[in-house]
Amino acid sequence: MEQEVKTVVRKSIPLDKIFALPSKMVNIRYANKILVVSPETANWIVLQNEEQLSFLNLLHNNQLGEALQHFSGSHQNAQAVVTQIIARKFENKKVHFKHETGTMQFYLTNGCNMRCPHCYMFAGIKKNNELSTDEVYSVLDKFYNSGGKVIVFSGGEIALRKDLLQIIGHSYNLGIKNEILTNGTLWTEETISKIAPMLSRVQISIDGYSEETNSKVRGKGNFSKALQTVESFLKYHVYTEISVTPYLDKNLEVDYPKYVEFAKNLYQNYGDINFLVKFTFDILEGRNIVVTNEQKKNIKLL
């Protein structure tokens, strides 16, 4: 019988070692762990407790030996931090950003005026740590300088960003093609007229063929608002798509022809210009939606 032999490599680190840690680190606490992210070097480490985070902070301005002298925690926690830094190559390094496809999805906000049952982002309440305008500009600049060509801005509902016009304008001035995903209920004619020249595509979500069916997903009174937004964007010659995710219930098979008729009527009104209606039948589980395998099979048969 052959016996498996495992080799353990131990690495000795001099006590006068100074770790060149990233100047900017973001701590995210989740599931009793701490994710430490370095945005500038696109790297991260995972710490298990506050003691480890304390030792990481000591390593910022101290040699390894000095940090150990000032550290009141356990040797195991200090060792775990050093192991993470070395294993993840977490020290500062020059990073060259290169975007292979030229397209980026930019989730601008988690804030939303709706609580759609199928929303797999669980959008609704704006996060406290959402990017500021200047931070968004920085991301756009780096994306463009790395060869980026197209950005798809989404949320949540992007129209809730008070700086949306400025963000789209900054991206447009860089030479980036801008696309937006929206529920279409918060737009005014004035805003559309200003943003339209800077857009190459807008996608508006309408999930019913009538006010009644749409309200099951997107709330009462939003069907006509979204359709009006479609008409306004088309008026300003923006390529516009309507994305339909049919409401998943026992009536879907019966209602399916009505969705088709809804799409046909839209094409009769707008089909001679840049316009598209698309249906999503690969339904993901969301806020209040649990999809069974049987339902998935039935949906694919439609």
C-alpha atoms as a PDB file:
ATOM      1  CA  MET A   1       0.000   0.000   0.000  1.00  0.00           C
ATOM      2  CA  GLU A   2       1.365   3.375  -1.010  1.00  0.00           C
ATOM      3  CA  GLN A   3       1.291   6.044   1.679  1.00  0.00           C
ATOM      4  CA  GLU A   4       0.449   9.631   0.764  1.00  0.00           C
ATOM      5  CA  VAL A   5       3.140  12.048   1.851  1.00  0.00           C
ATOM      6  CA  LYS A   6       2.268  15.688   2.445  1.00  0.00           C
ATOM      7  CA  THR A   7       5.017  18.274   2.350  1.00  0.00           C
ATOM      8  CA  VAL A   8       4.692  21.384   4.512  1.00  0.00           C
ATOM      9  CA  VAL A   9       6.836  24.337   3.515  1.00  0.00           C
ATOM     10  CA  ARG A  10       7.635  26.749   6.325  1.00  0.00           C
ATOM     11  CA  LYS A  11       8.799  30.222   5.424  1.00  0.00           C
ATOM     12  CA  SER A  12      10.944  32.272   7.775  1.00  0.00           C
ATOM     13  CA  ILE A  13      10.239  36.014   7.833  1.00  0.00           C
ATOM     14  CA  PRO A  14      12.803  38.406   9.364  1.00  0.00           C
ATOM     15  CA  LEU A  15      11.524  40.480  12.280  1.00  0.00           C
ATOM     16  CA  ASP A  16      12.715  43.687  10.591  1.00  0.00           C
ATOM     17  CA  LYS A  17      10.387  42.997   7.661  1.00  0.00           C
ATOM     18  CA  ILE A  18       8.113  45.941   6.782  1.00  0.00           C
ATOM     19  CA  PHE A  19       5.070  44.892   4.816  1.00  0.00           C
ATOM     20  CA  ALA A  20       4.206  47.313   2.006  1.00  0.00           C
ATOM     21  CA  LEU A  21       0.485  47.217   2.678  1.00  0.00           C
ATOM     22  CA  PRO A  22      -1.989  49.089   0.448  1.00  0.00           C
ATOM     23  CA  SER A  23      -2.552  52.686   1.505  1.00  0.00           C
ATOM     24  CA  LYS A  24      -6.320  52.340   1.185  1.00  0.00           C
ATOM     25  CA  MET A  25      -8.166  49.353   2.585  1.00  0.00           C
ATOM     26  CA  VAL A  26     -11.891  48.841   3.048  1.00  0.00           C
ATOM     27  CA  ASN A  27     -13.192  46.576   5.807  1.00  0.00           C
ATOM     28  CA  ILE A  28     -16.435  44.682   5.169  1.00  0.00           C
ATOM     29  CA  ARG A  29     -17.885  42.658   8.045  1.00  0.00           C
ATOM     30  CA  TYR A  30     -19.972  39.691   6.986  1.00  0.00           C
ATOM     31  CA  ALA A  31     -20.876  36.354   8.594  1.00  0.00           C
ATOM     32  CA  ASN A  32     -18.570  36.974  11.591  1.00  0.00           C
ATOM     33  CA  LYS A  33     -15.595  37.524   9.310  1.00  0.00           C
ATOM     34  CA  ILE A  34     -13.829  40.642   8.035  1.00  0.00           C
ATOM     35  CA  LEU A  35     -13.133  41.058   4.333  1.00  0.00           C
ATOM     36  CA  VAL A  36     -10.300  43.547   3.840  1.00  0.00           C
ATOM     37  CA  VAL A  37     -10.340  44.897   0.287  1.00  0.00           C
ATOM     38  CA  SER A  38      -7.669  46.937  -1.487  1.00  0.00           C
ATOM     39  CA  PRO A  39      -9.541  48.730  -4.326  1.00  0.00           C
ATOM     40  CA  GLU A  40      -6.356  50.119  -5.862  1.00  0.00           C
ATOM     41  CA  THR A  41      -4.721  46.712  -6.300  1.00  0.00           C
ATOM     42  CA  ALA A  42      -7.890  44.653  -6.807  1.00  0.00           C
ATOM     43  CA  ASN A  43      -6.937  42.311  -3.968  1.00  0.00           C
ATOM     44  CA  TRP A  44      -8.297  41.154  -0.620  1.00  0.00           C
ATOM     45  CA  ILE A  45      -7.696  39.067   2.480  1.00  0.00           C
ATOM     46  CA  VAL A  46     -10.152  37.470   4.908  1.00  0.00           C
ATOM     47  CA  LEU A  47      -9.658  37.921   8.657  1.00  0.00           C
ATOM     48  CA  GLN A  48     -11.430  35.866  11.276  1.00  0.00           C
ATOM     49  CA  ASN A  49     -11.785  38.375  14.118  1.00  0.00           C
ATOM     50  CA  GLU A  50     -11.068  41.868  15.434  1.00  0.00           C
ATOM     51  CA  GLU A  51      -7.754  40.749  16.954  1.00  0.00           C
ATOM     52  CA  GLN A  52      -6.455  39.902  13.493  1.00  0.00           C
ATOM     53  CA  LEU A  53      -7.633  43.268  12.165  1.00  0.00           C
ATOM     54  CA  SER A  54      -5.817  44.975  15.045  1.00  0.00           C
ATOM     55  CA  PHE A  55      -2.576  43.216  14.140  1.00  0.00           C
ATOM     56  CA  LEU A  56      -3.002  44.119  10.459  1.00  0.00           C
ATOM     57  CA  ASN A  57      -3.285  47.765  11.484  1.00  0.00           C
ATOM     58  CA  LEU A  58      -0.089  47.481  13.554  1.00  0.00           C
ATOM     59  CA  LEU A  59       1.763  46.205  10.491  1.00  0.00           C
ATOM     60  CA  HIS A  60       1.004  49.433   8.637  1.00  0.00           C
ATOM     61  CA  ASN A  61       3.710  51.505  10.282  1.00  0.00           C
ATOM     62  CA  ASN A  62       5.821  48.956  12.109  1.00  0.00           C
ATOM     63  CA  GLN A  63       8.345  46.260  11.411  1.00  0.00           C
ATOM     64  CA  LEU A  64       7.049  42.748  12.028  1.00  0.00           C
ATOM     65  CA  GLY A  65       8.962  42.476  15.311  1.00  0.00           C
ATOM     66  CA  GLU A  66       7.698  45.843  16.551  1.00  0.00           C
ATOM     67  CA  ALA A  67       4.121  44.928  15.661  1.00  0.00           C
ATOM     68  CA  LEU A  68       4.458  41.686  17.642  1.00  0.00           C
ATOM     69  CA  GLN A  69       5.773  43.606  20.671  1.00  0.00           C
ATOM     70  CA  HIS A  70       2.795  45.990  20.629  1.00  0.00           C
ATOM     71  CA  PHE A  71       0.245  43.252  19.949  1.00  0.00           C
ATOM     72  CA  SER A  72      -1.678  41.998  22.971  1.00  0.00           C
ATOM     73  CA  GLY A  73      -3.502  39.242  21.109  1.00  0.00           C
ATOM     74  CA  SER A  74      -2.606  35.621  20.484  1.00  0.00           C
ATOM     75  CA  HIS A  75       0.366  34.463  18.431  1.00  0.00           C
ATOM     76  CA  GLN A  76      -1.994  32.353  16.315  1.00  0.00           C
ATOM     77  CA  ASN A  77      -3.949  35.420  15.205  1.00  0.00           C
ATOM     78  CA  ALA A  78      -0.775  37.314  14.312  1.00  0.00           C
ATOM     79  CA  GLN A  79       0.492  34.315  12.354  1.00  0.00           C
ATOM     80  CA  ALA A  80      -2.850  34.030  10.532  1.00  0.00           C
ATOM     81  CA  VAL A  81      -2.628  37.644   9.358  1.00  0.00           C
ATOM     82  CA  VAL A  82       0.921  37.245   8.041  1.00  0.00           C
ATOM     83  CA  THR A  83      -0.086  34.011   6.309  1.00  0.00           C
ATOM     84  CA  GLN A  84      -2.987  35.788   4.581  1.00  0.00           C
ATOM     85  CA  ILE A  85      -0.776  38.668   3.424  1.00  0.00           C
ATOM     86  CA  ILE A  86       1.790  36.317   1.894  1.00  0.00           C
ATOM     87  CA  ALA A  87      -0.682  33.816   0.444  1.00  0.00           C
ATOM     88  CA  ARG A  88      -2.802  36.529  -1.194  1.00  0.00           C
ATOM     89  CA  LYS A  89       0.242  38.647  -2.182  1.00  0.00           C
ATOM     90  CA  PHE A  90      -1.533  41.501  -0.463  1.00  0.00           C
ATOM     91  CA  GLU A  91       1.397  43.914  -0.462  1.00  0.00           C
ATOM     92  CA  ASN A  92       1.371  46.920  -2.771  1.00  0.00           C
ATOM     93  CA  LYS A  93       2.058  46.179  -6.382  1.00  0.00           C
ATOM     94  CA  LYS A  94       1.621  47.966  -9.657  1.00  0.00           C
ATOM     95  CA  VAL A  95      -1.648  46.988 -11.266  1.00  0.00           C
ATOM     96  CA  HIS A  96      -2.342  47.358 -14.949  1.00  0.00           C
ATOM     97  CA  PHE A  97      -6.053  47.405 -15.599  1.00  0.00           C
ATOM     98  CA  LYS A  98      -7.070  45.795 -18.845  1.00  0.00           C
ATOM     99  CA  HIS A  99     -10.654  45.172 -19.881  1.00  0.00           C
ATOM    100  CA  GLU A 100     -10.914  42.258 -22.278  1.00  0.00           C
ATOM    101  CA  THR A 101     -14.506  42.735 -23.484  1.00  0.00           C
ATOM    102  CA  GLY A 102     -14.680  46.516 -23.339  1.00  0.00           C
ATOM    103  CA  THR A 103     -18.024  46.396 -21.489  1.00  0.00           C
ATOM    104  CA  MET A 104     -18.724  46.973 -17.799  1.00  0.00           C
ATOM    105  CA  GLN A 105     -21.884  46.535 -15.726  1.00  0.00           C
ATOM    106  CA  PHE A 106     -22.036  49.383 -13.190  1.00  0.00           C
ATOM    107  CA  TYR A 107     -24.466  48.887 -10.279  1.00  0.00           C
ATOM    108  CA  LEU A 108     -24.962  52.532  -9.360  1.00  0.00           C
ATOM    109  CA  THR A 109     -27.345  52.172  -6.439  1.00  0.00           C
ATOM    110  CA  ASN A 110     -29.298  49.636  -4.436  1.00  0.00           C
ATOM    111  CA  GLY A 111     -32.009  52.242  -3.849  1.00  0.00           C
ATOM    112  CA  CYS A 112     -35.291  51.546  -5.634  1.00  0.00           C
ATOM    113  CA  ASN A 113     -38.851  52.851  -5.538  1.00  0.00           C
ATOM    114  CA  MET A 114     -40.192  49.325  -6.086  1.00  0.00           C
ATOM    115  CA  ARG A 115     -40.097  45.995  -4.253  1.00  0.00           C
ATOM    116  CA  CYS A 116     -40.510  43.541  -7.124  1.00  0.00           C
ATOM    117  CA  PRO A 117     -41.001  39.937  -5.917  1.00  0.00           C
ATOM    118  CA  HIS A 118     -38.561  38.491  -8.480  1.00  0.00           C
ATOM    119  CA  CYS A 119     -35.748  40.991  -7.748  1.00  0.00           C
ATOM    120  CA  TYR A 120     -32.625  38.881  -7.180  1.00  0.00           C
ATOM    121  CA  MET A 121     -30.710  42.001  -6.053  1.00  0.00           C
ATOM    122  CA  PHE A 122     -33.239  42.586  -3.251  1.00  0.00           C
ATOM    123  CA  ALA A 123     -33.081  46.261  -4.195  1.00  0.00           C
ATOM    124  CA  GLY A 124     -34.963  48.863  -2.203  1.00  0.00           C
ATOM    125  CA  ILE A 125     -32.927  50.654   0.443  1.00  0.00           C
ATOM    126  CA  LYS A 126     -29.876  52.661  -0.552  1.00  0.00           C
ATOM    127  CA  LYS A 127     -26.633  51.360   0.942  1.00  0.00           C
ATOM    128  CA  ASN A 128     -24.737  53.703   3.269  1.00  0.00           C
ATOM    129  CA  ASN A 129     -21.431  53.043   1.504  1.00  0.00           C
ATOM    130  CA  GLU A 130     -22.532  53.696  -2.082  1.00  0.00           C
ATOM    131  CA  LEU A 131     -19.949  55.443  -4.227  1.00  0.00           C
ATOM    132  CA  SER A 132     -19.866  59.224  -4.200  1.00  0.00           C
ATOM    133  CA  THR A 133     -19.912  61.197  -7.445  1.00  0.00           C
ATOM    134  CA  ASP A 134     -16.135  61.645  -7.390  1.00  0.00           C
ATOM    135  CA  GLU A 135     -15.592  57.951  -6.670  1.00  0.00           C
ATOM    136  CA  VAL A 136     -17.800  57.058  -9.636  1.00  0.00           C
ATOM    137  CA  TYR A 137     -15.776  59.446 -11.808  1.00  0.00           C
ATOM    138  CA  SER A 138     -12.593  57.673 -10.695  1.00  0.00           C
ATOM    139  CA  VAL A 139     -14.004  54.284 -11.707  1.00  0.00           C
ATOM    140  CA  LEU A 140     -15.084  55.669 -15.090  1.00  0.00           C
ATOM    141  CA  ASP A 141     -11.656  57.186 -15.724  1.00  0.00           C
ATOM    142  CA  LYS A 142      -9.861  53.938 -14.903  1.00  0.00           C
ATOM    143  CA  PHE A 143     -12.290  51.938 -17.018  1.00  0.00           C
ATOM    144  CA  TYR A 144     -11.730  54.200 -20.021  1.00  0.00           C
ATOM    145  CA  ASN A 145      -7.943  54.216 -19.579  1.00  0.00           C
ATOM    146  CA  SER A 146      -7.948  50.409 -19.473  1.00  0.00           C
ATOM    147  CA  GLY A 147      -9.678  50.180 -22.844  1.00  0.00           C
ATOM    148  CA  GLY A 148     -13.305  50.292 -21.727  1.00  0.00           C
ATOM    149  CA  LYS A 149     -15.851  51.188 -24.397  1.00  0.00           C
ATOM    150  CA  VAL A 150     -19.389  50.469 -23.114  1.00  0.00           C
ATOM    151  CA  ILE A 151     -20.966  50.876 -19.666  1.00  0.00           C
ATOM    152  CA  VAL A 152     -24.356  49.489 -18.660  1.00  0.00           C
ATOM    153  CA  PHE A 153     -25.610  51.497 -15.664  1.00  0.00           C
ATOM    154  CA  SER A 154     -28.124  49.692 -13.470  1.00  0.00           C
ATOM    155  CA  GLY A 155     -29.580  49.461  -9.980  1.00  0.00           C
ATOM    156  CA  GLY A 156     -31.849  49.451  -7.979  1.00  0.00           C
ATOM    157  CA  GLU A 157     -33.326  52.346  -9.850  1.00  0.00           C
ATOM    158  CA  ILE A 158     -30.663  54.613 -11.304  1.00  0.00           C
ATOM    159  CA  ALA A 159     -33.074  57.551 -11.625  1.00  0.00           C
ATOM    160  CA  LEU A 160     -32.858  57.876  -7.830  1.00  0.00           C
ATOM    161  CA  ARG A 161     -29.247  59.055  -8.176  1.00  0.00           C
ATOM    162  CA  LYS A 162     -29.433  62.845  -8.056  1.00  0.00           C
ATOM    163  CA  ASP A 163     -26.080  63.011  -9.835  1.00  0.00           C
ATOM    164  CA  LEU A 164     -27.110  60.687 -12.690  1.00  0.00           C
ATOM    165  CA  LEU A 165     -26.906  63.379 -15.386  1.00  0.00           C
ATOM    166  CA  GLN A 166     -23.433  64.362 -14.224  1.00  0.00           C
ATOM    167  CA  ILE A 167     -22.269  60.729 -14.157  1.00  0.00           C
ATOM    168  CA  ILE A 168     -23.587  59.975 -17.644  1.00  0.00           C
ATOM    169  CA  GLY A 169     -22.117  63.260 -18.866  1.00  0.00           C
ATOM    170  CA  HIS A 170     -18.682  62.422 -17.482  1.00  0.00           C
ATOM    171  CA  SER A 171     -18.760  58.999 -19.109  1.00  0.00           C
ATOM    172  CA  TYR A 172     -19.996  60.443 -22.411  1.00  0.00           C
ATOM    173  CA  ASN A 173     -17.243  63.083 -22.459  1.00  0.00           C
ATOM    174  CA  LEU A 174     -14.661  60.325 -22.037  1.00  0.00           C
ATOM    175  CA  GLY A 175     -15.970  58.732 -25.214  1.00  0.00           C
ATOM    176  CA  ILE A 176     -17.742  55.791 -23.580  1.00  0.00           C
ATOM    177  CA  LYS A 177     -21.050  54.454 -24.915  1.00  0.00           C
ATOM    178  CA  ASN A 178     -23.673  54.593 -22.189  1.00  0.00           C
ATOM    179  CA  GLU A 179     -26.568  52.190 -21.663  1.00  0.00           C
ATOM    180  CA  ILE A 180     -29.062  52.343 -18.799  1.00  0.00           C
ATOM    181  CA  LEU A 181     -31.482  49.884 -17.193  1.00  0.00           C
ATOM    182  CA  THR A 182     -34.511  51.442 -15.495  1.00  0.00           C
ATOM    183  CA  ASN A 183     -38.084  50.756 -14.431  1.00  0.00           C
ATOM    184  CA  GLY A 184     -39.101  53.923 -16.262  1.00  0.00           C
ATOM    185  CA  THR A 185     -41.390  55.392 -13.591  1.00  0.00           C
ATOM    186  CA  LEU A 186     -39.365  58.323 -12.244  1.00  0.00           C
ATOM    187  CA  TRP A 187     -38.380  60.124 -15.437  1.00  0.00           C
ATOM    188  CA  THR A 188     -39.492  63.567 -16.563  1.00  0.00           C
ATOM    189  CA  GLU A 189     -39.550  64.865 -20.112  1.00  0.00           C
ATOM    190  CA  GLU A 190     -36.920  67.457 -19.166  1.00  0.00           C
ATOM    191  CA  THR A 191     -34.488  64.864 -17.779  1.00  0.00           C
ATOM    192  CA  ILE A 192     -34.981  62.578 -20.778  1.00  0.00           C
ATOM    193  CA  SER A 193     -34.301  65.413 -23.211  1.00  0.00           C
ATOM    194  CA  LYS A 194     -31.000  66.181 -21.430  1.00  0.00           C
ATOM    195  CA  ILE A 195     -29.743  62.626 -21.053  1.00  0.00           C
ATOM    196  CA  ALA A 196     -30.930  61.217 -24.399  1.00  0.00           C
ATOM    197  CA  PRO A 197     -28.048  62.580 -26.559  1.00  0.00           C
ATOM    198  CA  MET A 198     -25.571  60.802 -24.268  1.00  0.00           C
ATOM    199  CA  LEU A 199     -27.189  57.353 -24.438  1.00  0.00           C
ATOM    200  CA  SER A 200     -26.802  54.527 -26.938  1.00  0.00           C
ATOM    201  CA  ARG A 201     -29.455  52.290 -25.356  1.00  0.00           C
ATOM    202  CA  VAL A 202     -32.122  52.291 -22.656  1.00  0.00           C
ATOM    203  CA  GLN A 203     -33.846  49.181 -21.300  1.00  0.00           C
ATOM    204  CA  ILE A 204     -37.150  49.659 -19.487  1.00  0.00           C
ATOM    205  CA  SER A 205     -38.706  46.862 -17.434  1.00  0.00           C
ATOM    206  CA  ILE A 206     -42.450  46.315 -17.843  1.00  0.00           C
ATOM    207  CA  ASP A 207     -43.599  42.991 -16.447  1.00  0.00           C
ATOM    208  CA  GLY A 208     -47.235  42.843 -17.456  1.00  0.00           C
ATOM    209  CA  TYR A 209     -49.417  43.246 -20.547  1.00  0.00           C
ATOM    210  CA  SER A 210     -51.860  45.494 -18.659  1.00  0.00           C
ATOM    211  CA  GLU A 211     -52.072  47.683 -15.586  1.00  0.00           C
ATOM    212  CA  GLU A 212     -53.506  44.784 -13.598  1.00  0.00           C
ATOM    213  CA  THR A 213     -50.848  42.230 -14.508  1.00  0.00           C
ATOM    214  CA  ASN A 214     -47.977  44.697 -14.280  1.00  0.00           C
ATOM    215  CA  SER A 215     -49.100  45.868 -10.824  1.00  0.00           C
ATOM    216  CA  LYS A 216     -48.611  42.342  -9.448  1.00  0.00           C
ATOM    217  CA  VAL A 217     -44.886  42.884  -9.906  1.00  0.00           C
ATOM    218  CA  ARG A 218     -44.275  46.617 -10.095  1.00  0.00           C
ATOM    219  CA  GLY A 219     -47.080  48.155  -8.090  1.00  0.00           C
ATOM    220  CA  LYS A 220     -50.201  50.069  -9.023  1.00  0.00           C
ATOM    221  CA  GLY A 221     -50.094  52.994 -11.436  1.00  0.00           C
ATOM    222  CA  ASN A 222     -46.678  52.243 -12.942  1.00  0.00           C
ATOM    223  CA  PHE A 223     -47.719  50.589 -16.211  1.00  0.00           C
ATOM    224  CA  SER A 224     -48.696  53.801 -18.015  1.00  0.00           C
ATOM    225  CA  LYS A 225     -45.746  55.698 -16.503  1.00  0.00           C
ATOM    226  CA  ALA A 226     -43.261  53.205 -17.922  1.00  0.00           C
ATOM    227  CA  LEU A 227     -44.928  53.207 -21.339  1.00  0.00           C
ATOM    228  CA  GLN A 228     -44.822  57.000 -21.396  1.00  0.00           C
ATOM    229  CA  THR A 229     -41.093  56.866 -20.651  1.00  0.00           C
ATOM    230  CA  VAL A 230     -40.632  54.441 -23.544  1.00  0.00           C
ATOM    231  CA  GLU A 231     -42.395  56.857 -25.846  1.00  0.00           C
ATOM    232  CA  SER A 232     -40.320  59.804 -24.614  1.00  0.00           C
ATOM    233  CA  PHE A 233     -36.978  58.069 -25.132  1.00  0.00           C
ATOM    234  CA  LEU A 234     -38.049  57.001 -28.622  1.00  0.00           C
ATOM    235  CA  LYS A 235     -39.112  60.573 -29.316  1.00  0.00           C
ATOM    236  CA  TYR A 236     -35.499  61.620 -28.663  1.00  0.00           C
ATOM    237  CA  HIS A 237     -34.177  58.818 -30.926  1.00  0.00           C
ATOM    238  CA  VAL A 238     -32.691  56.586 -28.228  1.00  0.00           C
ATOM    239  CA  TYR A 239     -32.609  52.877 -29.054  1.00  0.00           C
ATOM    240  CA  THR A 240     -35.138  51.508 -26.567  1.00  0.00           C
ATOM    241  CA  GLU A 241     -35.860  48.004 -25.311  1.00  0.00           C
ATOM    242  CA  ILE A 242     -38.754  46.801 -23.200  1.00  0.00           C
ATOM    243  CA  SER A 243     -37.741  43.887 -21.003  1.00  0.00           C
ATOM    244  CA  VAL A 244     -40.640  41.698 -19.860  1.00  0.00           C
ATOM    245  CA  THR A 245     -40.392  39.119 -17.096  1.00  0.00           C
ATOM    246  CA  PRO A 246     -43.892  37.565 -17.007  1.00  0.00           C
ATOM    247  CA  TYR A 247     -45.439  37.131 -13.576  1.00  0.00           C
ATOM    248  CA  LEU A 248     -44.881  33.575 -12.433  1.00  0.00           C
ATOM    249  CA  ASP A 249     -48.164  32.072 -11.293  1.00  0.00           C
ATOM    250  CA  LYS A 250     -50.666  29.376 -12.307  1.00  0.00           C
ATOM    251  CA  ASN A 251     -52.167  31.690 -14.958  1.00  0.00           C
ATOM    252  CA  LEU A 252     -48.946  32.215 -16.926  1.00  0.00           C
ATOM    253  CA  GLU A 253     -49.681  29.531 -19.514  1.00  0.00           C
ATOM    254  CA  VAL A 254     -53.128  31.046 -20.153  1.00  0.00           C
ATOM    255  CA  ASP A 255     -51.805  34.624 -20.123  1.00  0.00           C
ATOM    256  CA  TYR A 256     -48.863  33.944 -22.442  1.00  0.00           C
ATOM    257  CA  PRO A 257     -50.802  34.778 -25.660  1.00  0.00           C
ATOM    258  CA  LYS A 258     -51.791  38.098 -24.083  1.00  0.00           C
ATOM    259  CA  TYR A 259     -48.116  38.954 -23.544  1.00  0.00           C
ATOM    260  CA  VAL A 260     -47.501  38.145 -27.201  1.00  0.00           C
ATOM    261  CA  GLU A 261     -50.383  40.387 -28.239  1.00  0.00           C
ATOM    262  CA  PHE A 262     -48.978  43.164 -26.018  1.00  0.00           C
ATOM    263  CA  ALA A 263     -45.631  42.916 -27.830  1.00  0.00           C
ATOM    264  CA  LYS A 264     -47.308  42.917 -31.253  1.00  0.00           C
ATOM    265  CA  ASN A 265     -49.220  46.095 -30.402  1.00  0.00           C
ATOM    266  CA  LEU A 266     -46.021  47.788 -29.303  1.00  0.00           C
ATOM    267  CA  TYR A 267     -44.328  46.879 -32.581  1.00  0.00           C
ATOM    268  CA  GLN A 268     -47.288  48.293 -34.484  1.00  0.00           C
ATOM    269  CA  ASN A 269     -46.747  51.587 -32.665  1.00  0.00           C
ATOM    270  CA  TYR A 270     -42.937  51.737 -32.599  1.00  0.00           C
ATOM    271  CA  GLY A 271     -41.582  48.933 -34.775  1.00  0.00           C
ATOM    272  CA  ASP A 272     -40.418  51.183 -37.590  1.00  0.00           C
ATOM    273  CA  ILE A 273     -37.792  52.808 -35.321  1.00  0.00           C
ATOM    274  CA  ASN A 274     -35.028  51.555 -33.011  1.00  0.00           C
ATOM    275  CA  PHE A 275     -37.152  49.450 -30.706  1.00  0.00           C
ATOM    276  CA  LEU A 276     -37.220  45.928 -29.250  1.00  0.00           C
ATOM    277  CA  VAL A 277     -39.412  43.877 -26.923  1.00  0.00           C
ATOM    278  CA  LYS A 278     -37.694  40.958 -25.231  1.00  0.00           C
ATOM    279  CA  PHE A 279     -39.025  38.349 -22.825  1.00  0.00           C
ATOM    280  CA  THR A 280     -37.141  36.751 -19.952  1.00  0.00           C
ATOM    281  CA  PHE A 281     -38.230  33.218 -19.169  1.00  0.00           C
ATOM    282  CA  ASP A 282     -35.112  32.092 -17.330  1.00  0.00           C
ATOM    283  CA  ILE A 283     -36.557  33.321 -14.042  1.00  0.00           C
ATOM    284  CA  LEU A 284     -34.204  33.541 -11.080  1.00  0.00           C
ATOM    285  CA  GLU A 285     -35.296  33.235  -7.491  1.00  0.00           C
ATOM    286  CA  GLY A 286     -35.723  36.604  -5.860  1.00  0.00           C
ATOM    287  CA  ARG A 287     -37.245  38.451  -2.934  1.00  0.00           C
ATOM    288  CA  ASN A 288     -40.518  36.517  -2.869  1.00  0.00           C
ATOM    289  CA  ILE A 289     -40.048  34.041  -5.708  1.00  0.00           C
ATOM    290  CA  VAL A 290     -39.038  30.402  -5.336  1.00  0.00           C
ATOM    291  CA  VAL A 291     -38.938  28.565  -8.663  1.00  0.00           C
ATOM    292  CA  THR A 292     -39.423  24.800  -8.687  1.00  0.00           C
ATOM    293  CA  ASN A 293     -37.843  22.534 -11.294  1.00  0.00           C
ATOM    294  CA  GLU A 294     -41.311  21.755 -12.639  1.00  0.00           C
ATOM    295  CA  GLN A 295     -42.030  25.459 -13.111  1.00  0.00           C
ATOM    296  CA  LYS A 296     -38.724  25.940 -14.892  1.00  0.00           C
ATOM    297  CA  LYS A 297     -39.623  23.137 -17.324  1.00  0.00           C
ATOM    298  CA  ASN A 298     -43.078  24.593 -17.989  1.00  0.00           C
ATOM    299  CA  ILE A 299     -41.685  28.078 -18.578  1.00  0.00           C
ATOM    300  CA  LYS A 300     -39.192  26.785 -21.161  1.00  0.00           C
ATOM    301  CA  LEU A 301     -42.044  25.098 -23.033  1.00  0.00           C
ATOM    302  CA  LEU A 302     -43.905  28.379 -23.531  1.00  0.00           C
END
